[in-house]
Amino acid sequence: MMRSSAIERELAPIKSKHWDSILMDAALFDRIDCLYRMRDQLALSAEAQRVLERYHTKFNRAGAALDAAAKARLADINERLATLGTTFQARTCWRTSRVMRWCSTVKTTSPVFRIRARGGAGGGRGA
């Protein structure tokens, strides 16, 4: 595998922890939740209201409203998923590149391809 894949695998759990620490921050979520509950009294523009709703949804989906034990469990799951996802992506890209190289080799060395390239054997004339 390529060196960049190793770096990505190393950074994936670090990035996961970083984003979990932001999205599961209780004080930050409390502020967003407070604003969300008061959104009708804030006289927000439609755009600002939509942004507030999206952030509230994002924090909820990330587990900000969970208790401490559930947050810790979710953070562990997120870290593991980040590592597995990066490993899967690296392996998939590696295998895809191998298959593409094989296909291009078969295409250029195949007798059928050579005949069609020369225009023989009906070479795409609808026959």
Protein backbone atom coordinates (compact mmCIF):
# COMPACT_ATOMS: atom_id res chain seq x y z
CA MET A 1 0.00 0.00 0.00
CA MET A 2 1.05 3.55 -0.55
CA ARG A 3 2.62 5.72 2.12
CA SER A 4 -0.31 8.17 2.06
CA SER A 5 -2.63 5.30 3.01
CA ALA A 6 -0.51 4.62 6.09
CA ILE A 7 -0.68 8.30 7.04
CA GLU A 8 -4.46 8.33 6.52
CA ARG A 9 -4.85 5.22 8.70
CA GLU A 10 -2.76 6.88 11.40
CA LEU A 11 -4.69 10.15 11.25
CA ALA A 12 -8.21 8.69 11.01
CA PRO A 13 -8.63 7.95 14.74
CA ILE A 14 -7.03 11.29 15.65
CA LYS A 15 -9.47 13.18 13.42
CA SER A 16 -12.33 11.14 14.84
CA LYS A 17 -11.36 12.08 18.41
CA HIS A 18 -11.02 15.72 17.37
CA TRP A 19 -14.50 15.92 15.87
CA ASP A 20 -16.05 13.91 18.68
CA SER A 21 -14.59 16.33 21.23
CA ILE A 22 -16.24 19.22 19.37
CA LEU A 23 -19.57 17.58 18.53
CA MET A 24 -19.99 16.00 21.98
CA ASP A 25 -18.99 19.09 23.96
CA ALA A 26 -21.74 19.55 26.55
CA ALA A 27 -21.34 23.32 26.97
CA LEU A 28 -21.40 23.96 23.23
CA PHE A 29 -24.42 21.71 22.71
CA ASP A 30 -26.24 23.36 25.64
CA ARG A 31 -25.79 26.74 23.94
CA ILE A 32 -26.97 25.44 20.57
CA ASP A 33 -29.89 23.63 22.20
CA CYS A 34 -30.88 26.79 24.12
CA LEU A 35 -30.84 28.82 20.90
CA TYR A 36 -32.76 26.10 19.12
CA ARG A 37 -35.50 26.09 21.76
CA MET A 38 -35.72 29.91 21.59
CA ARG A 39 -35.57 30.11 17.77
CA ASP A 40 -39.12 31.45 17.44
CA GLN A 41 -38.36 34.41 19.75
CA LEU A 42 -35.01 35.26 18.10
CA ALA A 43 -36.44 36.74 14.89
CA LEU A 44 -33.90 34.88 12.77
CA SER A 45 -33.86 35.08 9.00
CA ALA A 46 -34.92 31.91 7.21
CA GLU A 47 -31.30 31.19 6.39
CA ALA A 48 -30.09 31.66 9.97
CA GLN A 49 -32.93 29.51 11.28
CA ARG A 50 -32.02 26.75 8.83
CA VAL A 51 -28.36 26.92 9.88
CA LEU A 52 -29.36 26.66 13.54
CA GLU A 53 -31.62 23.67 12.78
CA ARG A 54 -28.86 21.92 10.82
CA TYR A 55 -26.30 22.42 13.61
CA HIS A 56 -28.77 21.21 16.22
CA THR A 57 -29.47 18.11 14.13
CA LYS A 58 -25.76 17.54 13.50
CA PHE A 59 -24.89 17.71 17.20
CA ASN A 60 -27.81 15.44 18.13
CA ARG A 61 -26.82 12.85 15.54
CA ALA A 62 -23.22 13.01 16.76
CA GLY A 63 -24.39 12.09 20.26
CA ALA A 64 -24.21 15.43 22.06
CA ALA A 65 -27.44 14.75 23.96
CA LEU A 66 -26.22 11.38 25.29
CA ASP A 67 -25.03 10.74 28.84
CA ALA A 68 -21.28 10.49 29.54
CA ALA A 69 -21.11 6.69 29.33
CA ALA A 70 -22.95 6.59 26.01
CA LYS A 71 -20.75 9.38 24.63
CA ALA A 72 -17.61 7.42 25.56
CA ARG A 73 -18.98 4.29 23.88
CA LEU A 74 -19.97 6.21 20.76
CA ALA A 75 -16.54 7.87 20.60
CA ASP A 76 -14.89 4.42 20.72
CA ILE A 77 -17.17 3.19 17.94
CA ASN A 78 -16.45 6.29 15.82
CA GLU A 79 -12.70 5.83 16.27
CA ARG A 80 -12.90 2.18 15.21
CA LEU A 81 -15.11 3.01 12.22
CA ALA A 82 -12.67 5.71 11.10
CA THR A 83 -9.80 3.22 11.15
CA LEU A 84 -11.77 0.49 9.41
CA GLY A 85 -13.13 2.89 6.80
CA THR A 86 -9.68 4.16 5.90
CA THR A 87 -8.28 0.63 5.70
CA PHE A 88 -11.17 -0.50 3.51
CA GLN A 89 -10.77 2.49 1.21
CA ALA A 90 -7.03 1.88 0.83
CA ARG A 91 -7.54 -1.80 0.03
CA THR A 92 -10.35 -1.06 -2.41
CA CYS A 93 -8.25 1.53 -4.26
CA TRP A 94 -5.29 -0.87 -4.38
CA ARG A 95 -7.41 -3.70 -5.77
CA THR A 96 -9.18 -1.43 -8.23
CA SER A 97 -5.85 -0.20 -9.60
CA ARG A 98 -4.67 -3.82 -9.96
CA VAL A 99 -7.84 -4.78 -11.86
CA MET A 100 -7.59 -1.71 -14.10
CA ARG A 101 -3.98 -2.56 -14.96
CA TRP A 102 -4.99 -6.15 -15.72
CA CYS A 103 -7.90 -4.98 -17.91
CA SER A 104 -5.69 -2.62 -19.88
CA THR A 105 -3.14 -5.42 -20.39
CA VAL A 106 -5.82 -7.85 -21.58
CA LYS A 107 -7.38 -5.20 -23.81
CA THR A 108 -4.12 -4.40 -25.61
CA THR A 109 -2.86 -8.00 -25.86
CA SER A 110 -6.15 -9.72 -26.69
CA PRO A 111 -6.38 -11.14 -30.25
CA VAL A 112 -10.02 -10.00 -30.44
CA PHE A 113 -8.99 -6.43 -29.61
CA ARG A 114 -6.23 -6.51 -32.23
CA ILE A 115 -8.64 -7.70 -34.94
CA ARG A 116 -11.22 -5.01 -34.07
CA ALA A 117 -8.51 -2.34 -33.88
CA ARG A 118 -7.50 -3.17 -37.44
CA GLY A 119 -11.11 -2.99 -38.54
CA GLY A 120 -11.48 -6.70 -39.18
CA ALA A 121 -14.22 -9.11 -38.11
CA GLY A 122 -17.04 -6.62 -38.39
CA GLY A 123 -15.07 -4.02 -36.36
CA GLY A 124 -18.12 -2.17 -35.09
CA ARG A 125 -19.90 -1.92 -38.45
CA GLY A 126 -23.12 -3.28 -37.00
CA ALA A 127 -22.66 -6.66 -38.68
